[in-house]
C-alpha atoms as a PDB file:
ATOM      1  CA  MET A   1      -0.263  -0.016   0.215  1.00  0.00           C
ATOM      2  CA  ASP A   2       1.502   3.520  -0.957  1.00  0.00           C
ATOM      3  CA  PHE A   3       1.206   6.546   0.805  1.00  0.00           C
ATOM      4  CA  GLY A   4      -1.804   8.034  -0.821  1.00  0.00           C
ATOM      5  CA  GLU A   5      -3.646   4.627  -0.363  1.00  0.00           C
ATOM      6  CA  ARG A   6      -2.881   4.680   3.532  1.00  0.00           C
ATOM      7  CA  LEU A   7      -4.375   8.324   3.637  1.00  0.00           C
ATOM      8  CA  ARG A   8      -7.299   6.792   2.252  1.00  0.00           C
ATOM      9  CA  LYS A   9      -7.630   4.137   4.026  1.00  0.00           C
ATOM     10  CA  CYS A  10      -7.162   6.319   7.270  1.00  0.00           C
ATOM     11  CA  ARG A  11     -10.305   8.647   6.469  1.00  0.00           C
ATOM     12  CA  ASP A  12     -12.328   5.985   5.194  1.00  0.00           C
ATOM     13  CA  LYS A  13     -11.454   3.900   8.809  1.00  0.00           C
ATOM     14  CA  LYS A  14     -12.855   7.529  10.225  1.00  0.00           C
ATOM     15  CA  GLY A  15     -15.600   7.937   8.356  1.00  0.00           C
ATOM     16  CA  TYR A  16     -14.592  11.147   7.099  1.00  0.00           C
ATOM     17  CA  THR A  17     -15.437  12.537   3.439  1.00  0.00           C
ATOM     18  CA  GLN A  18     -12.710  14.465   1.847  1.00  0.00           C
ATOM     19  CA  LYS A  19     -14.615  17.871   2.079  1.00  0.00           C
ATOM     20  CA  PHE A  20     -14.792  17.186   5.600  1.00  0.00           C
ATOM     21  CA  VAL A  21     -10.861  16.282   6.442  1.00  0.00           C
ATOM     22  CA  ALA A  22     -10.200  18.951   3.968  1.00  0.00           C
ATOM     23  CA  ASP A  23     -12.714  21.810   6.396  1.00  0.00           C
ATOM     24  CA  LYS A  24     -10.671  20.530   9.090  1.00  0.00           C
ATOM     25  CA  ILE A  25      -7.153  20.726   8.718  1.00  0.00           C
ATOM     26  CA  GLY A  26      -7.445  24.117   6.101  1.00  0.00           C
ATOM     27  CA  ILE A  27      -6.642  23.021   2.521  1.00  0.00           C
ATOM     28  CA  LYS A  28      -8.840  22.447  -0.530  1.00  0.00           C
ATOM     29  CA  ASN A  29     -10.750  19.394  -1.204  1.00  0.00           C
ATOM     30  CA  ASN A  30      -8.952  18.825  -4.571  1.00  0.00           C
ATOM     31  CA  THR A  31      -5.451  19.470  -2.626  1.00  0.00           C
ATOM     32  CA  LEU A  32      -6.324  16.502  -0.459  1.00  0.00           C
ATOM     33  CA  SER A  33      -7.671  14.373  -3.587  1.00  0.00           C
ATOM     34  CA  SER A  34      -4.050  14.716  -5.169  1.00  0.00           C
ATOM     35  CA  TYR A  35      -2.492  13.720  -1.547  1.00  0.00           C
ATOM     36  CA  GLU A  36      -5.220  10.436  -2.051  1.00  0.00           C
ATOM     37  CA  SER A  37      -4.511  10.105  -5.584  1.00  0.00           C
ATOM     38  CA  GLY A  38      -0.252  10.173  -5.015  1.00  0.00           C
ATOM     39  CA  LYS A  39       0.050  13.375  -7.605  1.00  0.00           C
ATOM     40  CA  ARG A  40       1.692  15.577  -4.519  1.00  0.00           C
ATOM     41  CA  GLN A  41       2.992  15.424  -0.900  1.00  0.00           C
ATOM     42  CA  PRO A  42       2.288  17.209   1.890  1.00  0.00           C
ATOM     43  CA  ASP A  43       4.199  19.258   3.650  1.00  0.00           C
ATOM     44  CA  TYR A  44       5.033  18.572   7.378  1.00  0.00           C
ATOM     45  CA  GLU A  45       2.387  20.463   8.625  1.00  0.00           C
ATOM     46  CA  ILE A  46      -0.252  19.051   6.569  1.00  0.00           C
ATOM     47  CA  LEU A  47       1.121  15.714   7.823  1.00  0.00           C
ATOM     48  CA  LYS A  48       0.872  16.449  11.476  1.00  0.00           C
ATOM     49  CA  LYS A  49      -2.688  18.046  11.094  1.00  0.00           C
ATOM     50  CA  LEU A  50      -3.631  14.482   9.362  1.00  0.00           C
ATOM     51  CA  SER A  51      -1.848  12.273  11.770  1.00  0.00           C
ATOM     52  CA  ASP A  52      -3.985  14.138  14.558  1.00  0.00           C
ATOM     53  CA  LEU A  53      -7.250  14.108  13.016  1.00  0.00           C
ATOM     54  CA  TYR A  54      -6.977  10.201  11.965  1.00  0.00           C
ATOM     55  CA  GLU A  55      -4.983   9.223  15.122  1.00  0.00           C
ATOM     56  CA  VAL A  56      -1.839   7.647  13.730  1.00  0.00           C
ATOM     57  CA  THR A  57       1.562   8.470  13.850  1.00  0.00           C
ATOM     58  CA  ILE A  58       3.290  10.595  10.857  1.00  0.00           C
ATOM     59  CA  ASP A  59       5.501   7.158  10.443  1.00  0.00           C
ATOM     60  CA  TYR A  60       2.370   5.363   9.750  1.00  0.00           C
ATOM     61  CA  ILE A  61       1.157   7.413   7.191  1.00  0.00           C
ATOM     62  CA  LEU A  62       4.567   8.061   5.658  1.00  0.00           C
ATOM     63  CA  THR A  63       5.685   4.153   5.723  1.00  0.00           C
ATOM     64  CA  GLY A  64       2.870   1.715   7.040  1.00  0.00           C
ATOM     65  CA  ASN A  65       4.967   1.307   9.962  1.00  0.00           C
ATOM     66  CA  GLN A  66       3.004   0.921  13.441  1.00  0.00           C
ATOM     67  CA  SER A  67       5.022   2.560  16.076  1.00  0.00           C
ATOM     68  CA  THR A  68       5.181  -0.337  18.826  1.00  0.00           C
ATOM     69  CA  ASN A  69       4.917   1.909  21.960  1.00  0.00           C
ATOM     70  CA  SER A  70       1.253   3.554  21.970  1.00  0.00           C
ATOM     71  CA  PRO A  71       1.313   6.585  24.204  1.00  0.00           C
ATOM     72  CA  ASP A  72      -0.605   4.325  26.676  1.00  0.00           C
ATOM     73  CA  GLU A  73       2.008   2.227  26.714  1.00  0.00           C
ATOM     74  CA  MET A  74       4.646   5.317  27.103  1.00  0.00           C
ATOM     75  CA  TRP A  75       2.454   6.463  30.603  1.00  0.00           C
ATOM     76  CA  GLU A  76       2.928   3.242  31.572  1.00  0.00           C
ATOM     77  CA  GLU A  77       6.246   2.957  31.548  1.00  0.00           C
ATOM     78  CA  PHE A  78       6.275   6.395  33.030  1.00  0.00           C
ATOM     79  CA  LEU A  79       4.004   5.255  35.965  1.00  0.00           C
ATOM     80  CA  ASN A  80       4.826   1.976  36.821  1.00  0.00           C
ATOM     81  CA  PRO A  81       4.470   1.598  40.830  1.00  0.00           C
ATOM     82  CA  LYS A  82       8.466   2.228  40.977  1.00  0.00           C
ATOM     83  CA  THR A  83       8.316   5.734  39.105  1.00  0.00           C
ATOM     84  CA  GLN A  84       4.856   6.926  39.752  1.00  0.00           C
ATOM     85  CA  VAL A  85       5.011   8.516  42.877  1.00  0.00           C
ATOM     86  CA  PHE A  86       8.706  10.575  41.786  1.00  0.00           C
ATOM     87  CA  PHE A  87       7.327  11.700  38.817  1.00  0.00           C
ATOM     88  CA  LYS A  88       3.918  12.392  40.179  1.00  0.00           C
ATOM     89  CA  ASP A  89       5.640  14.456  43.023  1.00  0.00           C
ATOM     90  CA  LEU A  90       7.921  16.212  39.898  1.00  0.00           C
ATOM     91  CA  MET A  91       4.934  17.320  38.127  1.00  0.00           C
ATOM     92  CA  ASP A  92       3.374  19.829  40.982  1.00  0.00           C
ATOM     93  CA  ALA A  93       7.058  20.383  42.307  1.00  0.00           C
ATOM     94  CA  PRO A  94       8.510  24.653  42.080  1.00  0.00           C
ATOM     95  CA  GLU A  95      10.856  25.594  39.230  1.00  0.00           C
ATOM     96  CA  GLU A  96      13.120  25.545  41.797  1.00  0.00           C
ATOM     97  CA  LYS A  97      12.771  22.254  42.900  1.00  0.00           C
ATOM     98  CA  ILE A  98      13.017  20.610  39.792  1.00  0.00           C
ATOM     99  CA  GLU A  99      16.609  22.709  39.476  1.00  0.00           C
ATOM    100  CA  GLU A 100      17.533  21.447  42.013  1.00  0.00           C
ATOM    101  CA  LEU A 101      16.711  17.956  41.110  1.00  0.00           C
ATOM    102  CA  ILE A 102      18.028  18.776  37.586  1.00  0.00           C
ATOM    103  CA  LYS A 103      21.465  19.531  39.703  1.00  0.00           C
ATOM    104  CA  PHE A 104      21.492  16.449  42.062  1.00  0.00           C
ATOM    105  CA  TRP A 105      21.054  13.577  38.952  1.00  0.00           C
ATOM    106  CA  GLU A 106      24.256  15.817  37.037  1.00  0.00           C
ATOM    107  CA  ILE A 107      26.323  15.075  40.421  1.00  0.00           C
ATOM    108  CA  ILE A 108      24.984  11.407  40.272  1.00  0.00           C
ATOM    109  CA  ARG A 109      25.581  11.207  36.340  1.00  0.00           C
ATOM    110  CA  ASP A 110      29.099  12.412  36.805  1.00  0.00           C
ATOM    111  CA  ARG A 111      30.179  10.225  39.526  1.00  0.00           C
ATOM    112  CA  ASP A 112      28.959   6.950  37.384  1.00  0.00           C
ATOM    113  CA  LYS A 113      30.964   8.622  34.324  1.00  0.00           C
ATOM    114  CA  LYS A 114      34.487   8.222  36.699  1.00  0.00           C
END
């Protein structure tokens, strides 16, 4: 499946019309049609809008490769029981505490390099 076919498949999967998608991302309907037929390529900004609208990665649109880590899996990794308290506290910490933590981390990192 090529780039244009993936774009069309993503749109069809969502049940969107070309007009709806074009209006939503701020391009003309015939421009989207050109992308889907492979006559034109979108720029990065349009790719980002399409990936957000279709809820897929830019990598998937371009190559067809699915990322192995979904955003949910990423958050599960960050918020596992061993680190959950740390990240929760860090998110609520004032800026000066975050800067202090960074300094501590740099000391630990530099110590391990020796």
